[in-house]
Amino acid sequence: MTHTPVSEWNPEGLRVAADVILGRGVKLFGFVNLYGCEIGDETRIGCFVEIQNGVKVGARCKISSHTLICEGVTIEDGVFVGHGVMFVNDRWPRAMTQDGRVVKQGDWRCLTTLVKQGASIGSGSTILGGITIGANAMIGAGSVVTGDIAPGTTVVGNPARQLDHSNGSKL
């Protein structure tokens, strides 16, 4: 992947930090906030998307508008992320420690998430931290993914459950 200078990618409405690595042909739409992340070749990132420190997004992905990809997430090549998807990296968030201090970086554990090649995540889904979404898996719109998803499967609902393709019902 080649590094495109950030100065070429900073039109009005984009907040792209100097430490961001953008691959060839990346397309950014308005009001994007990127910092400390790496975006692969030919990936498209919609409006009002935030991608945080340490995130890696592969090549030829589509990240739709109003999505948050937080620290700890790795997205492989060819992944589709629908509108308003929320990645979560802490299952037990707190504003203060038990002794009353404001929570800081070292006071919590960042859970990692891996989205494998070719997976699709439907609009409005929530992806909890500490999981793997298998290659070519399909997450239905509005699903809450709480555990690993096997490659090639379709899951729907809250919590997300595998869909039985033979009759369209959940297993």
C-alpha atoms as a PDB file:
ATOM      1  CA  MET A   1       0.000   0.000   0.000  1.00  0.00           C
ATOM      2  CA  THR A   2       1.309   3.439  -0.849  1.00  0.00           C
ATOM      3  CA  HIS A   3       0.945   6.336   1.535  1.00  0.00           C
ATOM      4  CA  THR A   4      -0.905   9.299   0.061  1.00  0.00           C
ATOM      5  CA  PRO A   5       0.029  12.591   1.747  1.00  0.00           C
ATOM      6  CA  VAL A   6      -2.798  13.770   4.001  1.00  0.00           C
ATOM      7  CA  SER A   7      -2.568  17.277   2.541  1.00  0.00           C
ATOM      8  CA  GLU A   8      -4.115  15.874  -0.669  1.00  0.00           C
ATOM      9  CA  TRP A   9      -7.094  14.461   1.280  1.00  0.00           C
ATOM     10  CA  ASN A  10      -8.143  17.322   3.483  1.00  0.00           C
ATOM     11  CA  PRO A  11     -10.875  19.312   1.717  1.00  0.00           C
ATOM     12  CA  GLU A  12     -13.428  21.178   3.818  1.00  0.00           C
ATOM     13  CA  GLY A  13     -15.390  18.927   6.142  1.00  0.00           C
ATOM     14  CA  LEU A  14     -12.767  16.186   6.475  1.00  0.00           C
ATOM     15  CA  ARG A  15     -10.705  15.674   9.610  1.00  0.00           C
ATOM     16  CA  VAL A  16      -7.818  13.418   8.650  1.00  0.00           C
ATOM     17  CA  ALA A  17      -4.926  13.292  11.119  1.00  0.00           C
ATOM     18  CA  ALA A  18      -1.342  13.333   9.894  1.00  0.00           C
ATOM     19  CA  ASP A  19      -0.792   9.749  11.132  1.00  0.00           C
ATOM     20  CA  VAL A  20      -3.482   8.239   8.861  1.00  0.00           C
ATOM     21  CA  ILE A  21      -2.305   5.958   6.035  1.00  0.00           C
ATOM     22  CA  LEU A  22      -4.536   6.067   2.959  1.00  0.00           C
ATOM     23  CA  GLY A  23      -4.105   3.567   0.143  1.00  0.00           C
ATOM     24  CA  ARG A  24      -4.392   4.287  -3.591  1.00  0.00           C
ATOM     25  CA  GLY A  25      -7.779   5.450  -4.812  1.00  0.00           C
ATOM     26  CA  VAL A  26      -9.414   5.827  -1.399  1.00  0.00           C
ATOM     27  CA  LYS A  27     -12.628   7.889  -1.640  1.00  0.00           C
ATOM     28  CA  LEU A  28     -13.662   9.983   1.374  1.00  0.00           C
ATOM     29  CA  PHE A  29     -16.993  11.780   1.572  1.00  0.00           C
ATOM     30  CA  GLY A  30     -17.821  14.807   3.771  1.00  0.00           C
ATOM     31  CA  PHE A  31     -17.497  15.074   7.523  1.00  0.00           C
ATOM     32  CA  VAL A  32     -15.204  12.091   8.020  1.00  0.00           C
ATOM     33  CA  ASN A  33     -13.015  11.872  11.135  1.00  0.00           C
ATOM     34  CA  LEU A  34      -9.952   9.633  10.782  1.00  0.00           C
ATOM     35  CA  TYR A  35      -7.025   9.339  13.166  1.00  0.00           C
ATOM     36  CA  GLY A  36      -4.264   6.780  13.692  1.00  0.00           C
ATOM     37  CA  CYS A  37      -5.817   4.320  11.235  1.00  0.00           C
ATOM     38  CA  GLU A  38      -4.924   2.613   7.976  1.00  0.00           C
ATOM     39  CA  ILE A  39      -7.308   2.467   4.997  1.00  0.00           C
ATOM     40  CA  GLY A  40      -6.643   0.058   2.103  1.00  0.00           C
ATOM     41  CA  ASP A  41      -6.644   0.733  -1.626  1.00  0.00           C
ATOM     42  CA  GLU A  42      -9.911   1.723  -3.340  1.00  0.00           C
ATOM     43  CA  THR A  43     -11.948   1.751  -0.116  1.00  0.00           C
ATOM     44  CA  ARG A  44     -14.924   4.125   0.036  1.00  0.00           C
ATOM     45  CA  ILE A  45     -15.833   5.865   3.296  1.00  0.00           C
ATOM     46  CA  GLY A  46     -19.212   7.613   3.505  1.00  0.00           C
ATOM     47  CA  CYS A  47     -20.264  10.817   5.265  1.00  0.00           C
ATOM     48  CA  PHE A  48     -20.178  11.164   9.047  1.00  0.00           C
ATOM     49  CA  VAL A  49     -17.880   8.179   9.638  1.00  0.00           C
ATOM     50  CA  GLU A  50     -15.311   8.038  12.443  1.00  0.00           C
ATOM     51  CA  ILE A  51     -12.437   5.571  12.309  1.00  0.00           C
ATOM     52  CA  GLN A  52     -10.249   5.552  15.393  1.00  0.00           C
ATOM     53  CA  ASN A  53      -6.652   4.890  16.354  1.00  0.00           C
ATOM     54  CA  GLY A  54      -5.187   1.503  15.439  1.00  0.00           C
ATOM     55  CA  VAL A  55      -8.024   0.436  13.118  1.00  0.00           C
ATOM     56  CA  LYS A  56      -7.065  -1.298   9.872  1.00  0.00           C
ATOM     57  CA  VAL A  57      -9.546  -1.331   6.989  1.00  0.00           C
ATOM     58  CA  GLY A  58      -8.622  -3.491   4.006  1.00  0.00           C
ATOM     59  CA  ALA A  59      -8.773  -2.819   0.297  1.00  0.00           C
ATOM     60  CA  ARG A  60     -11.979  -2.368  -1.713  1.00  0.00           C
ATOM     61  CA  CYS A  61     -14.237  -2.041   1.339  1.00  0.00           C
ATOM     62  CA  LYS A  62     -17.348   0.117   1.548  1.00  0.00           C
ATOM     63  CA  ILE A  63     -17.965   1.870   4.860  1.00  0.00           C
ATOM     64  CA  SER A  64     -21.380   3.554   4.726  1.00  0.00           C
ATOM     65  CA  SER A  65     -22.397   6.807   6.414  1.00  0.00           C
ATOM     66  CA  HIS A  66     -22.879   7.380  10.153  1.00  0.00           C
ATOM     67  CA  THR A  67     -20.639   4.470  11.183  1.00  0.00           C
ATOM     68  CA  LEU A  68     -18.205   4.300  14.117  1.00  0.00           C
ATOM     69  CA  ILE A  69     -15.244   1.960  13.868  1.00  0.00           C
ATOM     70  CA  CYS A  70     -13.467   2.114  17.204  1.00  0.00           C
ATOM     71  CA  GLU A  71      -9.995   1.163  18.332  1.00  0.00           C
ATOM     72  CA  GLY A  72      -9.368  -2.580  18.255  1.00  0.00           C
ATOM     73  CA  VAL A  73     -11.157  -3.331  14.970  1.00  0.00           C
ATOM     74  CA  THR A  74      -9.535  -4.943  11.927  1.00  0.00           C
ATOM     75  CA  ILE A  75     -11.544  -5.202   8.711  1.00  0.00           C
ATOM     76  CA  GLU A  76     -10.140  -7.341   5.913  1.00  0.00           C
ATOM     77  CA  ASP A  77     -10.533  -6.787   2.154  1.00  0.00           C
ATOM     78  CA  GLY A  78     -13.882  -6.527   0.387  1.00  0.00           C
ATOM     79  CA  VAL A  79     -16.057  -5.953   3.462  1.00  0.00           C
ATOM     80  CA  PHE A  80     -19.348  -4.046   3.277  1.00  0.00           C
ATOM     81  CA  VAL A  81     -20.401  -2.035   6.355  1.00  0.00           C
ATOM     82  CA  GLY A  82     -23.922  -0.565   6.148  1.00  0.00           C
ATOM     83  CA  HIS A  83     -25.190   2.775   7.403  1.00  0.00           C
ATOM     84  CA  GLY A  84     -25.075   3.505  11.134  1.00  0.00           C
ATOM     85  CA  VAL A  85     -23.069   0.459  12.201  1.00  0.00           C
ATOM     86  CA  MET A  86     -21.569   0.729  15.677  1.00  0.00           C
ATOM     87  CA  PHE A  87     -18.500  -1.223  16.714  1.00  0.00           C
ATOM     88  CA  VAL A  88     -18.016  -1.540  20.500  1.00  0.00           C
ATOM     89  CA  ASN A  89     -14.654  -2.339  22.108  1.00  0.00           C
ATOM     90  CA  ASP A  90     -15.591  -2.427  25.819  1.00  0.00           C
ATOM     91  CA  ARG A  91     -18.418  -4.628  27.128  1.00  0.00           C
ATOM     92  CA  TRP A  92     -18.300  -3.114  30.617  1.00  0.00           C
ATOM     93  CA  PRO A  93     -17.786   0.636  30.083  1.00  0.00           C
ATOM     94  CA  ARG A  94     -17.547   3.002  33.016  1.00  0.00           C
ATOM     95  CA  ALA A  95     -16.941   6.738  33.302  1.00  0.00           C
ATOM     96  CA  MET A  96     -15.182   6.380  36.687  1.00  0.00           C
ATOM     97  CA  THR A  97     -12.993   3.802  38.372  1.00  0.00           C
ATOM     98  CA  GLN A  98     -14.123   2.183  41.653  1.00  0.00           C
ATOM     99  CA  ASP A  99     -12.123   4.795  43.577  1.00  0.00           C
ATOM    100  CA  GLY A 100     -13.869   7.689  41.777  1.00  0.00           C
ATOM    101  CA  ARG A 101     -11.212   8.694  39.234  1.00  0.00           C
ATOM    102  CA  VAL A 102     -12.121   9.426  35.625  1.00  0.00           C
ATOM    103  CA  VAL A 103     -11.388   6.331  33.503  1.00  0.00           C
ATOM    104  CA  LYS A 104      -8.240   6.721  31.403  1.00  0.00           C
ATOM    105  CA  GLN A 105      -6.561   4.577  28.730  1.00  0.00           C
ATOM    106  CA  GLY A 106      -4.908   2.158  31.176  1.00  0.00           C
ATOM    107  CA  ASP A 107      -8.068   1.635  33.267  1.00  0.00           C
ATOM    108  CA  TRP A 108      -9.879  -0.607  30.774  1.00  0.00           C
ATOM    109  CA  ARG A 109      -9.144  -3.421  28.316  1.00  0.00           C
ATOM    110  CA  CYS A 110      -9.768  -2.826  24.612  1.00  0.00           C
ATOM    111  CA  LEU A 111     -11.496  -5.872  23.114  1.00  0.00           C
ATOM    112  CA  THR A 112     -10.466  -6.628  19.546  1.00  0.00           C
ATOM    113  CA  THR A 113     -12.770  -7.483  16.653  1.00  0.00           C
ATOM    114  CA  LEU A 114     -11.836  -9.090  13.338  1.00  0.00           C
ATOM    115  CA  VAL A 115     -14.100  -8.875  10.292  1.00  0.00           C
ATOM    116  CA  LYS A 116     -12.867 -11.367   7.708  1.00  0.00           C
ATOM    117  CA  GLN A 117     -12.731 -10.906   3.944  1.00  0.00           C
ATOM    118  CA  GLY A 118     -15.996 -10.445   2.052  1.00  0.00           C
ATOM    119  CA  ALA A 119     -18.275 -10.173   5.096  1.00  0.00           C
ATOM    120  CA  SER A 120     -21.315  -7.858   4.966  1.00  0.00           C
ATOM    121  CA  ILE A 121     -22.721  -5.998   7.966  1.00  0.00           C
ATOM    122  CA  GLY A 122     -26.255  -4.635   7.576  1.00  0.00           C
ATOM    123  CA  SER A 123     -27.275  -1.085   8.463  1.00  0.00           C
ATOM    124  CA  GLY A 124     -27.955  -0.285  12.112  1.00  0.00           C
ATOM    125  CA  SER A 125     -26.060  -3.297  13.449  1.00  0.00           C
ATOM    126  CA  THR A 126     -24.048  -3.266  16.669  1.00  0.00           C
ATOM    127  CA  ILE A 127     -20.885  -5.363  16.794  1.00  0.00           C
ATOM    128  CA  LEU A 128     -19.614  -6.091  20.316  1.00  0.00           C
ATOM    129  CA  GLY A 129     -15.878  -6.384  20.913  1.00  0.00           C
ATOM    130  CA  GLY A 130     -13.893  -9.576  21.280  1.00  0.00           C
ATOM    131  CA  ILE A 131     -15.389 -11.428  18.302  1.00  0.00           C
ATOM    132  CA  THR A 132     -14.564 -12.643  14.795  1.00  0.00           C
ATOM    133  CA  ILE A 133     -16.981 -12.352  11.879  1.00  0.00           C
ATOM    134  CA  GLY A 134     -16.079 -15.081   9.394  1.00  0.00           C
ATOM    135  CA  ALA A 135     -15.297 -14.649   5.711  1.00  0.00           C
ATOM    136  CA  ASN A 136     -18.365 -13.974   3.553  1.00  0.00           C
ATOM    137  CA  ALA A 137     -20.692 -13.931   6.577  1.00  0.00           C
ATOM    138  CA  MET A 138     -23.842 -11.809   6.297  1.00  0.00           C
ATOM    139  CA  ILE A 139     -25.121  -9.794   9.276  1.00  0.00           C
ATOM    140  CA  GLY A 140     -28.769  -8.732   8.880  1.00  0.00           C
ATOM    141  CA  ALA A 141     -29.751  -5.082   9.354  1.00  0.00           C
ATOM    142  CA  GLY A 142     -30.281  -4.071  12.981  1.00  0.00           C
ATOM    143  CA  SER A 143     -28.563  -7.159  14.386  1.00  0.00           C
ATOM    144  CA  VAL A 144     -26.623  -7.167  17.653  1.00  0.00           C
ATOM    145  CA  VAL A 145     -23.616  -9.446  17.252  1.00  0.00           C
ATOM    146  CA  THR A 146     -22.468 -10.784  20.624  1.00  0.00           C
ATOM    147  CA  GLY A 147     -20.284 -13.738  19.577  1.00  0.00           C
ATOM    148  CA  ASP A 148     -18.230 -15.188  16.755  1.00  0.00           C
ATOM    149  CA  ILE A 149     -19.958 -15.699  13.390  1.00  0.00           C
ATOM    150  CA  ALA A 150     -18.929 -18.691  11.270  1.00  0.00           C
ATOM    151  CA  PRO A 151     -17.723 -18.106   7.711  1.00  0.00           C
ATOM    152  CA  GLY A 152     -20.464 -17.981   5.089  1.00  0.00           C
ATOM    153  CA  THR A 153     -23.371 -17.882   7.528  1.00  0.00           C
ATOM    154  CA  THR A 154     -26.200 -15.363   7.768  1.00  0.00           C
ATOM    155  CA  VAL A 155     -27.268 -14.064  11.170  1.00  0.00           C
ATOM    156  CA  VAL A 156     -30.142 -11.776  12.167  1.00  0.00           C
ATOM    157  CA  GLY A 157     -31.727 -10.361  15.304  1.00  0.00           C
ATOM    158  CA  ASN A 158     -30.876  -9.339  18.842  1.00  0.00           C
ATOM    159  CA  PRO A 159     -28.871 -11.229  19.801  1.00  0.00           C
ATOM    160  CA  ALA A 160     -27.888 -12.300  16.299  1.00  0.00           C
ATOM    161  CA  ARG A 161     -28.724 -15.915  15.492  1.00  0.00           C
ATOM    162  CA  GLN A 162     -28.039 -18.009  12.412  1.00  0.00           C
ATOM    163  CA  LEU A 163     -30.718 -17.896   9.739  1.00  0.00           C
ATOM    164  CA  ASP A 164     -31.935 -21.193   8.275  1.00  0.00           C
ATOM    165  CA  HIS A 165     -31.902 -20.503   4.534  1.00  0.00           C
ATOM    166  CA  SER A 166     -34.166 -23.448   3.753  1.00  0.00           C
ATOM    167  CA  ASN A 167     -37.270 -21.752   5.170  1.00  0.00           C
ATOM    168  CA  GLY A 168     -36.129 -18.225   6.121  1.00  0.00           C
ATOM    169  CA  SER A 169     -36.516 -18.780   9.854  1.00  0.00           C
ATOM    170  CA  LYS A 170     -34.031 -18.437  12.690  1.00  0.00           C
ATOM    171  CA  LEU A 171     -32.513 -21.628  14.097  1.00  0.00           C
END
